[in-house]
C-alpha atoms as a PDB file:
ATOM      1  CA  UNK A   1     -34.570  -3.057  -4.279  1.00  0.00           C
ATOM      2  CA  UNK A   2     -33.391   0.244  -5.740  1.00  0.00           C
ATOM      3  CA  UNK A   3     -29.831   1.581  -5.745  1.00  0.00           C
ATOM      4  CA  UNK A   4     -28.199   4.670  -7.200  1.00  0.00           C
ATOM      5  CA  UNK A   5     -24.733   3.729  -8.431  1.00  0.00           C
ATOM      6  CA  UNK A   6     -22.272   6.623  -8.465  1.00  0.00           C
ATOM      7  CA  UNK A   7     -19.163   5.879 -10.543  1.00  0.00           C
ATOM      8  CA  UNK A   8     -16.062   8.052 -10.647  1.00  0.00           C
ATOM      9  CA  UNK A   9     -14.488   7.783 -14.118  1.00  0.00           C
ATOM     10  CA  UNK A  10     -11.089   9.217 -15.018  1.00  0.00           C
ATOM     11  CA  UNK A  11      -9.882   8.050 -18.423  1.00  0.00           C
ATOM     12  CA  UNK A  12     -11.328   4.628 -17.718  1.00  0.00           C
ATOM     13  CA  UNK A  13     -12.645   3.772 -21.179  1.00  0.00           C
ATOM     14  CA  UNK A  14     -10.923   0.369 -21.128  1.00  0.00           C
ATOM     15  CA  UNK A  15     -12.867  -0.556 -18.001  1.00  0.00           C
ATOM     16  CA  UNK A  16     -16.284   0.960 -18.719  1.00  0.00           C
ATOM     17  CA  UNK A  17     -17.759  -1.847 -20.897  1.00  0.00           C
ATOM     18  CA  UNK A  18     -17.243  -4.539 -18.247  1.00  0.00           C
ATOM     19  CA  UNK A  19     -18.280  -2.190 -15.450  1.00  0.00           C
ATOM     20  CA  UNK A  20     -21.576  -1.392 -17.158  1.00  0.00           C
ATOM     21  CA  UNK A  21     -22.168  -4.983 -18.265  1.00  0.00           C
ATOM     22  CA  UNK A  22     -21.870  -6.307 -14.712  1.00  0.00           C
ATOM     23  CA  UNK A  23     -23.917  -3.466 -13.245  1.00  0.00           C
ATOM     24  CA  UNK A  24     -26.723  -4.242 -15.693  1.00  0.00           C
ATOM     25  CA  UNK A  25     -26.490  -7.927 -14.812  1.00  0.00           C
ATOM     26  CA  UNK A  26     -27.172  -7.355 -11.096  1.00  0.00           C
ATOM     27  CA  UNK A  27     -29.945  -9.663  -9.945  1.00  0.00           C
ATOM     28  CA  UNK A  28     -33.104  -8.491  -8.133  1.00  0.00           C
ATOM     29  CA  UNK A  29     -31.978  -4.852  -8.088  1.00  0.00           C
ATOM     30  CA  UNK A  30     -33.154  -1.788  -9.985  1.00  0.00           C
ATOM     31  CA  UNK A  31     -30.178   0.484 -10.575  1.00  0.00           C
ATOM     32  CA  UNK A  32     -29.764   4.084 -11.552  1.00  0.00           C
ATOM     33  CA  UNK A  33     -26.272   4.660 -12.960  1.00  0.00           C
ATOM     34  CA  UNK A  34     -24.588   8.029 -12.529  1.00  0.00           C
ATOM     35  CA  UNK A  35     -21.101   8.422 -13.987  1.00  0.00           C
ATOM     36  CA  UNK A  36     -19.030  11.362 -12.853  1.00  0.00           C
ATOM     37  CA  UNK A  37     -16.598  11.862 -15.716  1.00  0.00           C
ATOM     38  CA  UNK A  38     -13.452  13.655 -14.632  1.00  0.00           C
ATOM     39  CA  UNK A  39     -12.737  15.466 -17.894  1.00  0.00           C
ATOM     40  CA  UNK A  40     -11.561  12.253 -19.545  1.00  0.00           C
ATOM     41  CA  UNK A  41      -9.596  12.546 -22.783  1.00  0.00           C
ATOM     42  CA  UNK A  42      -9.658   8.856 -23.766  1.00  0.00           C
ATOM     43  CA  UNK A  43     -13.054   8.809 -25.484  1.00  0.00           C
ATOM     44  CA  UNK A  44     -15.066   7.966 -22.365  1.00  0.00           C
ATOM     45  CA  UNK A  45     -17.505  10.787 -23.069  1.00  0.00           C
ATOM     46  CA  UNK A  46     -18.214   9.631 -26.618  1.00  0.00           C
ATOM     47  CA  UNK A  47     -18.627   6.041 -25.460  1.00  0.00           C
ATOM     48  CA  UNK A  48     -21.146   6.997 -22.780  1.00  0.00           C
ATOM     49  CA  UNK A  49     -23.319   8.932 -25.254  1.00  0.00           C
ATOM     50  CA  UNK A  50     -24.673   5.635 -26.555  1.00  0.00           C
ATOM     51  CA  UNK A  51     -26.366   5.061 -23.179  1.00  0.00           C
ATOM     52  CA  UNK A  52     -28.968   7.825 -22.772  1.00  0.00           C
ATOM     53  CA  UNK A  53     -30.293   6.172 -19.607  1.00  0.00           C
ATOM     54  CA  UNK A  54     -26.996   6.869 -17.825  1.00  0.00           C
ATOM     55  CA  UNK A  55     -26.654  10.219 -16.112  1.00  0.00           C
ATOM     56  CA  UNK A  56     -23.260  11.747 -16.885  1.00  0.00           C
ATOM     57  CA  UNK A  57     -21.946  14.679 -14.881  1.00  0.00           C
ATOM     58  CA  UNK A  58     -18.595  16.420 -15.354  1.00  0.00           C
ATOM     59  CA  UNK A  59     -16.166  17.117 -12.518  1.00  0.00           C
ATOM     60  CA  UNK A  60     -12.532  18.311 -12.784  1.00  0.00           C
ATOM     61  CA  UNK A  61      -9.982  15.556 -12.192  1.00  0.00           C
ATOM     62  CA  UNK A  62      -7.994  17.879  -9.945  1.00  0.00           C
ATOM     63  CA  UNK A  63     -10.700  17.902  -7.268  1.00  0.00           C
ATOM     64  CA  UNK A  64     -10.287  14.229  -6.405  1.00  0.00           C
ATOM     65  CA  UNK A  65     -12.320  11.074  -5.991  1.00  0.00           C
ATOM     66  CA  UNK A  66     -14.887  12.038  -3.376  1.00  0.00           C
ATOM     67  CA  UNK A  67     -15.623  15.464  -4.837  1.00  0.00           C
ATOM     68  CA  UNK A  68     -16.844  13.459  -7.815  1.00  0.00           C
ATOM     69  CA  UNK A  69     -18.781  11.090  -5.573  1.00  0.00           C
ATOM     70  CA  UNK A  70     -20.459  14.060  -3.883  1.00  0.00           C
ATOM     71  CA  UNK A  71     -21.453  15.561  -7.243  1.00  0.00           C
ATOM     72  CA  UNK A  72     -22.996  12.272  -8.309  1.00  0.00           C
ATOM     73  CA  UNK A  73     -24.796  11.699  -5.012  1.00  0.00           C
ATOM     74  CA  UNK A  74     -26.473  15.097  -5.361  1.00  0.00           C
ATOM     75  CA  UNK A  75     -28.244  13.762  -8.496  1.00  0.00           C
ATOM     76  CA  UNK A  76     -29.226  10.365  -7.076  1.00  0.00           C
ATOM     77  CA  UNK A  77     -32.927   9.540  -6.852  1.00  0.00           C
ATOM     78  CA  UNK A  78     -32.739   6.398  -4.693  1.00  0.00           C
ATOM     79  CA  UNK A  79     -31.990   6.119  -0.972  1.00  0.00           C
ATOM     80  CA  UNK A  80     -29.228   3.523  -1.273  1.00  0.00           C
ATOM     81  CA  UNK A  81     -26.011   4.979  -2.684  1.00  0.00           C
ATOM     82  CA  UNK A  82     -23.327   2.693  -4.097  1.00  0.00           C
ATOM     83  CA  UNK A  83     -20.032   4.503  -4.660  1.00  0.00           C
ATOM     84  CA  UNK A  84     -17.417   2.861  -6.854  1.00  0.00           C
ATOM     85  CA  UNK A  85     -14.405   3.410  -9.100  1.00  0.00           C
ATOM     86  CA  UNK A  86     -14.557   2.839 -12.843  1.00  0.00           C
ATOM     87  CA  UNK A  87     -11.835   0.155 -12.825  1.00  0.00           C
ATOM     88  CA  UNK A  88     -14.094  -2.530 -11.342  1.00  0.00           C
ATOM     89  CA  UNK A  89     -16.538  -5.269 -12.198  1.00  0.00           C
ATOM     90  CA  UNK A  90     -18.997  -7.061  -9.937  1.00  0.00           C
ATOM     91  CA  UNK A  91     -20.435 -10.425  -9.042  1.00  0.00           C
ATOM     92  CA  UNK A  92     -24.094 -10.724 -10.145  1.00  0.00           C
ATOM     93  CA  UNK A  93     -25.492 -10.586  -6.595  1.00  0.00           C
ATOM     94  CA  UNK A  94     -23.133  -7.938  -5.232  1.00  0.00           C
ATOM     95  CA  UNK A  95     -25.593  -5.064  -4.894  1.00  0.00           C
ATOM     96  CA  UNK A  96     -28.462  -7.214  -3.628  1.00  0.00           C
ATOM     97  CA  UNK A  97     -26.315  -8.729  -0.885  1.00  0.00           C
ATOM     98  CA  UNK A  98     -25.114  -5.300   0.213  1.00  0.00           C
ATOM     99  CA  UNK A  99     -28.654  -3.906   0.197  1.00  0.00           C
ATOM    100  CA  UNK A 100     -29.893  -6.780   2.381  1.00  0.00           C
ATOM    101  CA  UNK A 101     -27.398  -5.877   5.114  1.00  0.00           C
ATOM    102  CA  UNK A 102     -28.554  -2.284   5.567  1.00  0.00           C
ATOM    103  CA  UNK A 103     -30.762  -1.989   8.680  1.00  0.00           C
ATOM    104  CA  UNK A 104     -31.381   1.555   9.855  1.00  0.00           C
ATOM    105  CA  UNK A 105     -33.294   0.327  12.918  1.00  0.00           C
ATOM    106  CA  UNK A 106     -30.036  -1.282  14.068  1.00  0.00           C
ATOM    107  CA  UNK A 107     -27.979   1.735  12.947  1.00  0.00           C
ATOM    108  CA  UNK A 108     -26.359  -0.335  10.198  1.00  0.00           C
ATOM    109  CA  UNK A 109     -26.013   2.294   7.497  1.00  0.00           C
ATOM    110  CA  UNK A 110     -23.298   0.876   5.238  1.00  0.00           C
ATOM    111  CA  UNK A 111     -22.145  -2.420   3.753  1.00  0.00           C
ATOM    112  CA  UNK A 112     -18.619  -3.183   2.558  1.00  0.00           C
ATOM    113  CA  UNK A 113     -18.046  -5.793  -0.197  1.00  0.00           C
ATOM    114  CA  UNK A 114     -14.940  -7.923  -0.481  1.00  0.00           C
ATOM    115  CA  UNK A 115     -12.494  -7.191  -3.282  1.00  0.00           C
ATOM    116  CA  UNK A 116     -10.214  -9.257  -5.472  1.00  0.00           C
ATOM    117  CA  UNK A 117      -7.773  -8.188  -8.160  1.00  0.00           C
ATOM    118  CA  UNK A 118      -9.320  -7.494 -11.548  1.00  0.00           C
ATOM    119  CA  UNK A 119      -8.201 -10.919 -12.841  1.00  0.00           C
ATOM    120  CA  UNK A 120      -9.826 -12.621  -9.782  1.00  0.00           C
ATOM    121  CA  UNK A 121      -6.560 -14.219  -8.614  1.00  0.00           C
ATOM    122  CA  UNK A 122      -5.812 -12.345  -5.377  1.00  0.00           C
ATOM    123  CA  UNK A 123      -7.966 -11.329  -2.423  1.00  0.00           C
ATOM    124  CA  UNK A 124      -7.128  -7.725  -1.552  1.00  0.00           C
ATOM    125  CA  UNK A 125      -9.885  -6.422   0.715  1.00  0.00           C
ATOM    126  CA  UNK A 126     -12.080  -8.211   3.215  1.00  0.00           C
ATOM    127  CA  UNK A 127     -12.912  -7.501   6.825  1.00  0.00           C
ATOM    128  CA  UNK A 128     -11.096  -4.517   8.357  1.00  0.00           C
ATOM    129  CA  UNK A 129      -9.556  -4.390  11.806  1.00  0.00           C
ATOM    130  CA  UNK A 130      -7.089  -2.188  13.661  1.00  0.00           C
ATOM    131  CA  UNK A 131      -3.984  -3.769  15.123  1.00  0.00           C
ATOM    132  CA  UNK A 132      -1.548  -2.488  17.702  1.00  0.00           C
ATOM    133  CA  UNK A 133       1.864  -1.275  16.574  1.00  0.00           C
ATOM    134  CA  UNK A 134       4.616   1.086  17.671  1.00  0.00           C
ATOM    135  CA  UNK A 135       4.458   3.504  14.763  1.00  0.00           C
ATOM    136  CA  UNK A 136       2.017   3.312  11.839  1.00  0.00           C
ATOM    137  CA  UNK A 137       3.119   5.887   9.267  1.00  0.00           C
ATOM    138  CA  UNK A 138      -0.118   5.586   7.281  1.00  0.00           C
ATOM    139  CA  UNK A 139      -2.614   5.888  10.109  1.00  0.00           C
ATOM    140  CA  UNK A 140      -3.890   9.070  11.781  1.00  0.00           C
ATOM    141  CA  UNK A 141      -3.383   7.334  15.140  1.00  0.00           C
ATOM    142  CA  UNK A 142       0.177   5.920  14.985  1.00  0.00           C
ATOM    143  CA  UNK A 143      -0.372   3.188  17.586  1.00  0.00           C
ATOM    144  CA  UNK A 144      -3.004   1.582  15.385  1.00  0.00           C
ATOM    145  CA  UNK A 145      -2.510   0.313  11.842  1.00  0.00           C
ATOM    146  CA  UNK A 146      -5.069  -1.265   9.491  1.00  0.00           C
ATOM    147  CA  UNK A 147      -5.467  -4.875   8.422  1.00  0.00           C
ATOM    148  CA  UNK A 148      -7.820  -5.029   5.430  1.00  0.00           C
ATOM    149  CA  UNK A 149      -7.861  -8.798   4.935  1.00  0.00           C
ATOM    150  CA  UNK A 150      -9.353 -10.219   8.121  1.00  0.00           C
ATOM    151  CA  UNK A 151     -11.644 -13.203   7.337  1.00  0.00           C
ATOM    152  CA  UNK A 152     -14.684 -11.936   9.213  1.00  0.00           C
ATOM    153  CA  UNK A 153     -18.145 -13.496   8.954  1.00  0.00           C
ATOM    154  CA  UNK A 154     -20.905 -11.820   6.959  1.00  0.00           C
ATOM    155  CA  UNK A 155     -22.580  -9.033   8.896  1.00  0.00           C
ATOM    156  CA  UNK A 156     -19.747  -8.401  11.336  1.00  0.00           C
ATOM    157  CA  UNK A 157     -19.096  -4.744  12.032  1.00  0.00           C
ATOM    158  CA  UNK A 158     -16.037  -3.036  10.589  1.00  0.00           C
ATOM    159  CA  UNK A 159     -14.776   0.448  11.533  1.00  0.00           C
ATOM    160  CA  UNK A 160     -15.014   1.771   7.972  1.00  0.00           C
ATOM    161  CA  UNK A 161     -15.548   0.509   4.413  1.00  0.00           C
ATOM    162  CA  UNK A 162     -13.286   0.939   1.391  1.00  0.00           C
ATOM    163  CA  UNK A 163     -14.060   4.171  -0.451  1.00  0.00           C
ATOM    164  CA  UNK A 164     -13.376   2.333  -3.709  1.00  0.00           C
ATOM    165  CA  UNK A 165     -16.708   0.474  -3.490  1.00  0.00           C
ATOM    166  CA  UNK A 166     -19.395   0.357  -0.812  1.00  0.00           C
ATOM    167  CA  UNK A 167     -23.089   0.963  -0.186  1.00  0.00           C
ATOM    168  CA  UNK A 168     -24.485   3.544   2.239  1.00  0.00           C
ATOM    169  CA  UNK A 169     -28.003   4.712   3.004  1.00  0.00           C
ATOM    170  CA  UNK A 170     -28.773   8.331   2.153  1.00  0.00           C
ATOM    171  CA  UNK A 171     -30.170   9.031   5.646  1.00  0.00           C
ATOM    172  CA  UNK A 172     -26.842   8.297   7.306  1.00  0.00           C
ATOM    173  CA  UNK A 173     -24.835   9.894   4.501  1.00  0.00           C
ATOM    174  CA  UNK A 174     -26.739  13.162   5.012  1.00  0.00           C
ATOM    175  CA  UNK A 175     -26.652  12.901   8.797  1.00  0.00           C
ATOM    176  CA  UNK A 176     -22.850  12.740   8.882  1.00  0.00           C
ATOM    177  CA  UNK A 177     -22.421  15.503   6.321  1.00  0.00           C
ATOM    178  CA  UNK A 178     -21.314  13.473   3.313  1.00  0.00           C
ATOM    179  CA  UNK A 179     -17.788  13.405   1.939  1.00  0.00           C
ATOM    180  CA  UNK A 180     -15.143  15.912   2.925  1.00  0.00           C
ATOM    181  CA  UNK A 181     -14.368  17.088  -0.608  1.00  0.00           C
ATOM    182  CA  UNK A 182     -11.002  18.546   0.410  1.00  0.00           C
ATOM    183  CA  UNK A 183      -9.660  14.954   0.294  1.00  0.00           C
ATOM    184  CA  UNK A 184      -8.047  14.274  -3.099  1.00  0.00           C
ATOM    185  CA  UNK A 185      -7.281  10.568  -2.599  1.00  0.00           C
ATOM    186  CA  UNK A 186      -6.852   8.179   0.334  1.00  0.00           C
ATOM    187  CA  UNK A 187      -8.217   8.037   3.897  1.00  0.00           C
ATOM    188  CA  UNK A 188     -11.466   9.752   2.911  1.00  0.00           C
ATOM    189  CA  UNK A 189     -13.314   6.625   4.074  1.00  0.00           C
ATOM    190  CA  UNK A 190     -11.721   6.860   7.533  1.00  0.00           C
ATOM    191  CA  UNK A 191     -12.737  10.491   7.791  1.00  0.00           C
ATOM    192  CA  UNK A 192     -16.327   9.733   6.754  1.00  0.00           C
ATOM    193  CA  UNK A 193     -16.680   6.932   9.268  1.00  0.00           C
ATOM    194  CA  UNK A 194     -15.166   8.708  12.239  1.00  0.00           C
ATOM    195  CA  UNK A 195     -18.181  10.984  11.833  1.00  0.00           C
ATOM    196  CA  UNK A 196     -20.480   7.991  11.328  1.00  0.00           C
ATOM    197  CA  UNK A 197     -19.128   6.373  14.508  1.00  0.00           C
ATOM    198  CA  UNK A 198     -19.593   9.582  16.471  1.00  0.00           C
ATOM    199  CA  UNK A 199     -23.298   9.473  15.544  1.00  0.00           C
ATOM    200  CA  UNK A 200     -23.579   5.733  16.172  1.00  0.00           C
ATOM    201  CA  UNK A 201     -23.891   4.624  12.547  1.00  0.00           C
ATOM    202  CA  UNK A 202     -22.181   1.361  11.618  1.00  0.00           C
ATOM    203  CA  UNK A 203     -20.785  -0.539   8.644  1.00  0.00           C
ATOM    204  CA  UNK A 204     -20.756  -4.315   8.153  1.00  0.00           C
ATOM    205  CA  UNK A 205     -18.653  -6.575   5.974  1.00  0.00           C
ATOM    206  CA  UNK A 206     -20.280  -8.704   3.260  1.00  0.00           C
ATOM    207  CA  UNK A 207     -17.921 -11.450   1.973  1.00  0.00           C
ATOM    208  CA  UNK A 208     -20.374 -12.814  -0.608  1.00  0.00           C
ATOM    209  CA  UNK A 209     -20.680  -9.393  -2.301  1.00  0.00           C
ATOM    210  CA  UNK A 210     -17.776  -9.618  -4.728  1.00  0.00           C
ATOM    211  CA  UNK A 211     -15.892  -6.789  -6.416  1.00  0.00           C
ATOM    212  CA  UNK A 212     -12.938  -7.134  -8.804  1.00  0.00           C
ATOM    213  CA  UNK A 213     -10.653  -4.120  -8.822  1.00  0.00           C
ATOM    214  CA  UNK A 214      -7.682  -2.954 -10.912  1.00  0.00           C
ATOM    215  CA  UNK A 215      -5.999  -1.412  -7.868  1.00  0.00           C
ATOM    216  CA  UNK A 216      -3.937   1.764  -8.359  1.00  0.00           C
ATOM    217  CA  UNK A 217      -4.810   1.968 -12.052  1.00  0.00           C
ATOM    218  CA  UNK A 218      -5.093   5.748 -11.680  1.00  0.00           C
ATOM    219  CA  UNK A 219      -1.561   6.358 -10.383  1.00  0.00           C
ATOM    220  CA  UNK A 220       0.020   6.810 -13.811  1.00  0.00           C
ATOM    221  CA  UNK A 221      -2.750   9.025 -15.182  1.00  0.00           C
ATOM    222  CA  UNK A 222      -2.296  12.767 -15.621  1.00  0.00           C
ATOM    223  CA  UNK A 223      -4.695  15.498 -14.579  1.00  0.00           C
ATOM    224  CA  UNK A 224      -5.491  18.478 -16.797  1.00  0.00           C
ATOM    225  CA  UNK A 225      -2.447  20.510 -15.738  1.00  0.00           C
ATOM    226  CA  UNK A 226      -0.080  17.692 -16.720  1.00  0.00           C
ATOM    227  CA  UNK A 227       0.725  16.435 -13.239  1.00  0.00           C
ATOM    228  CA  UNK A 228       0.802  12.680 -12.664  1.00  0.00           C
ATOM    229  CA  UNK A 229      -1.610  11.317 -10.059  1.00  0.00           C
ATOM    230  CA  UNK A 230       0.951   9.289  -8.068  1.00  0.00           C
ATOM    231  CA  UNK A 231       2.948  12.175  -6.507  1.00  0.00           C
ATOM    232  CA  UNK A 232      -0.266  14.147  -6.021  1.00  0.00           C
ATOM    233  CA  UNK A 233      -1.679  11.142  -4.219  1.00  0.00           C
ATOM    234  CA  UNK A 234       1.338  10.957  -1.926  1.00  0.00           C
ATOM    235  CA  UNK A 235       1.069  14.646  -1.028  1.00  0.00           C
ATOM    236  CA  UNK A 236      -2.685  14.427  -0.456  1.00  0.00           C
ATOM    237  CA  UNK A 237      -2.422  11.185   1.487  1.00  0.00           C
ATOM    238  CA  UNK A 238       0.139  12.576   3.934  1.00  0.00           C
ATOM    239  CA  UNK A 239      -1.983  15.698   4.355  1.00  0.00           C
ATOM    240  CA  UNK A 240      -5.186  13.698   4.781  1.00  0.00           C
ATOM    241  CA  UNK A 241      -3.706  11.659   7.622  1.00  0.00           C
ATOM    242  CA  UNK A 242      -2.796  14.867   9.434  1.00  0.00           C
ATOM    243  CA  UNK A 243      -6.147  16.519   8.707  1.00  0.00           C
ATOM    244  CA  UNK A 244      -8.069  13.619  10.239  1.00  0.00           C
ATOM    245  CA  UNK A 245      -6.106  14.108  13.448  1.00  0.00           C
ATOM    246  CA  UNK A 246      -6.593  17.868  13.338  1.00  0.00           C
ATOM    247  CA  UNK A 247     -10.344  17.440  12.822  1.00  0.00           C
ATOM    248  CA  UNK A 248     -11.028  14.898  15.548  1.00  0.00           C
ATOM    249  CA  UNK A 249      -8.206  14.788  18.115  1.00  0.00           C
ATOM    250  CA  UNK A 250      -7.840  17.032  21.157  1.00  0.00           C
ATOM    251  CA  UNK A 251      -5.397  17.793  23.972  1.00  0.00           C
ATOM    252  CA  UNK A 252      -1.986  16.159  23.738  1.00  0.00           C
ATOM    253  CA  UNK A 253      -3.238  13.976  20.868  1.00  0.00           C
ATOM    254  CA  UNK A 254      -3.097  17.031  18.627  1.00  0.00           C
ATOM    255  CA  UNK A 255       0.649  16.461  18.507  1.00  0.00           C
ATOM    256  CA  UNK A 256       0.033  13.321  16.446  1.00  0.00           C
ATOM    257  CA  UNK A 257      -0.900  15.152  13.206  1.00  0.00           C
ATOM    258  CA  UNK A 258       2.337  17.120  13.486  1.00  0.00           C
ATOM    259  CA  UNK A 259       4.245  13.870  13.913  1.00  0.00           C
ATOM    260  CA  UNK A 260       2.562  12.342  10.863  1.00  0.00           C
ATOM    261  CA  UNK A 261       3.734  15.292   8.745  1.00  0.00           C
ATOM    262  CA  UNK A 262       7.228  15.773  10.124  1.00  0.00           C
ATOM    263  CA  UNK A 263       8.388  12.179  10.540  1.00  0.00           C
ATOM    264  CA  UNK A 264       8.342  11.294   6.805  1.00  0.00           C
ATOM    265  CA  UNK A 265      10.336  14.461   6.110  1.00  0.00           C
ATOM    266  CA  UNK A 266      12.933  13.531   8.747  1.00  0.00           C
ATOM    267  CA  UNK A 267      13.213  10.006   7.343  1.00  0.00           C
ATOM    268  CA  UNK A 268      13.679  11.287   3.797  1.00  0.00           C
ATOM    269  CA  UNK A 269      16.272  13.829   4.932  1.00  0.00           C
ATOM    270  CA  UNK A 270      18.248  11.057   6.633  1.00  0.00           C
ATOM    271  CA  UNK A 271      17.965   8.905   3.510  1.00  0.00           C
ATOM    272  CA  UNK A 272      19.088  11.820   1.319  1.00  0.00           C
ATOM    273  CA  UNK A 273      16.014  11.598  -0.916  1.00  0.00           C
ATOM    274  CA  UNK A 274      15.480  15.156  -2.197  1.00  0.00           C
ATOM    275  CA  UNK A 275      12.544  14.247  -4.466  1.00  0.00           C
ATOM    276  CA  UNK A 276      10.617  12.726  -1.554  1.00  0.00           C
ATOM    277  CA  UNK A 277      11.615  15.660   0.659  1.00  0.00           C
ATOM    278  CA  UNK A 278       9.984  18.064  -1.791  1.00  0.00           C
ATOM    279  CA  UNK A 279       6.779  16.020  -1.669  1.00  0.00           C
ATOM    280  CA  UNK A 280       6.871  16.003   2.146  1.00  0.00           C
ATOM    281  CA  UNK A 281       7.209  19.778   2.204  1.00  0.00           C
ATOM    282  CA  UNK A 282       4.296  20.117  -0.213  1.00  0.00           C
ATOM    283  CA  UNK A 283       2.192  17.918   2.084  1.00  0.00           C
ATOM    284  CA  UNK A 284       2.965  20.253   4.978  1.00  0.00           C
ATOM    285  CA  UNK A 285       2.058  23.298   2.870  1.00  0.00           C
ATOM    286  CA  UNK A 286      -1.191  21.686   1.734  1.00  0.00           C
ATOM    287  CA  UNK A 287      -2.151  20.919   5.320  1.00  0.00           C
ATOM    288  CA  UNK A 288      -1.512  24.511   6.382  1.00  0.00           C
ATOM    289  CA  UNK A 289      -3.792  25.675   3.562  1.00  0.00           C
ATOM    290  CA  UNK A 290      -6.563  23.433   4.908  1.00  0.00           C
ATOM    291  CA  UNK A 291      -6.487  24.753   8.477  1.00  0.00           C
ATOM    292  CA  UNK A 292      -9.323  27.273   8.117  1.00  0.00           C
ATOM    293  CA  UNK A 293     -12.022  24.724   7.160  1.00  0.00           C
ATOM    294  CA  UNK A 294     -10.578  22.339   9.762  1.00  0.00           C
ATOM    295  CA  UNK A 295     -11.090  24.948  12.479  1.00  0.00           C
ATOM    296  CA  UNK A 296     -14.647  25.553  11.270  1.00  0.00           C
ATOM    297  CA  UNK A 297     -15.376  21.827  11.339  1.00  0.00           C
ATOM    298  CA  UNK A 298     -14.016  21.517  14.870  1.00  0.00           C
ATOM    299  CA  UNK A 299     -16.284  24.325  16.003  1.00  0.00           C
ATOM    300  CA  UNK A 300     -19.375  22.690  14.505  1.00  0.00           C
ATOM    301  CA  UNK A 301     -18.405  19.209  15.699  1.00  0.00           C
ATOM    302  CA  UNK A 302     -17.514  20.246  19.249  1.00  0.00           C
ATOM    303  CA  UNK A 303     -20.443  18.542  20.974  1.00  0.00           C
ATOM    304  CA  UNK A 304     -19.841  15.230  19.189  1.00  0.00           C
ATOM    305  CA  UNK A 305     -16.109  15.435  19.872  1.00  0.00           C
ATOM    306  CA  UNK A 306     -16.777  15.719  23.599  1.00  0.00           C
ATOM    307  CA  UNK A 307     -19.202  12.819  23.525  1.00  0.00           C
ATOM    308  CA  UNK A 308     -16.994  10.539  21.417  1.00  0.00           C
ATOM    309  CA  UNK A 309     -13.406  11.814  21.036  1.00  0.00           C
ATOM    310  CA  UNK A 310     -11.799  10.945  17.725  1.00  0.00           C
ATOM    311  CA  UNK A 311      -8.909   9.028  19.264  1.00  0.00           C
ATOM    312  CA  UNK A 312     -11.422   6.556  20.730  1.00  0.00           C
ATOM    313  CA  UNK A 313     -12.452   5.564  17.200  1.00  0.00           C
ATOM    314  CA  UNK A 314      -9.037   3.960  16.731  1.00  0.00           C
ATOM    315  CA  UNK A 315      -9.072   2.356  20.178  1.00  0.00           C
ATOM    316  CA  UNK A 316     -12.319   0.377  19.882  1.00  0.00           C
ATOM    317  CA  UNK A 317     -11.549  -2.960  21.527  1.00  0.00           C
ATOM    318  CA  UNK A 318     -13.983  -4.931  19.375  1.00  0.00           C
ATOM    319  CA  UNK A 319     -12.354  -3.514  16.244  1.00  0.00           C
ATOM    320  CA  UNK A 320      -8.777  -4.364  17.280  1.00  0.00           C
ATOM    321  CA  UNK A 321      -6.895  -7.622  16.801  1.00  0.00           C
ATOM    322  CA  UNK A 322      -3.614  -8.739  18.339  1.00  0.00           C
END
């Protein structure tokens, strides 16, 4: 078994030793490790110099998580690509168990491990399902929200994996066009797997493949222009939700991206929260700046959109729980 591991590192020196130790301890797997260092200033670069076998590539922090993933994937020599954050460590059979679930003949292109907190005490990500609701503020389709801790059996299909850590085969990754690198943080996995679903590629959950994750460790970090990640993440996240709708929805459903942008602003106006209002307005401005590539994507994706409209991704009956 061979796997190219693509790690996004942003001032993650405190996490790198355990990350690398547990990657090297993976059983029955040959790994290539590629670390995309996002202009870290904490000594990560100096630390990594002691490992000449690791490929290190530089990517600006401002471009976001999946721009780094894409840069690393371009250097990968193996067909199985494991994307992960730097603030993680892994069970010794994690990569092998994920690899065993990939089956291109069955259109199973990706495998999603389960995640616990870094200290192992809390389960935070398992099987994923949609559930019906009246208004989901953090979903591109507001009548469907996400439940990330459904106790599914190994090998059951899920609509999308967690971008923080999962395995995908290069054939499917290339077929669906790879990451949309305009996504800074959040919902990039949904976007990737709407396209995978349109081309009949699937992801399965793998409970025995264990990942331990220091969730949201990046929120307090600062990018090179001095801005803190957390507000940038909010702006990008609100924009990303709208962009997914603008990329894949049609007809009256195109009103939903507008709702996802305007409703948070209305709520924050009513709550008299000027700081949040400013972020909401920046999310709207960011989305407007992304319209040209969105229109180009829609043109290229027109045939697939007619065959499998994006709204149907969120309405899959076998992916929805009560």
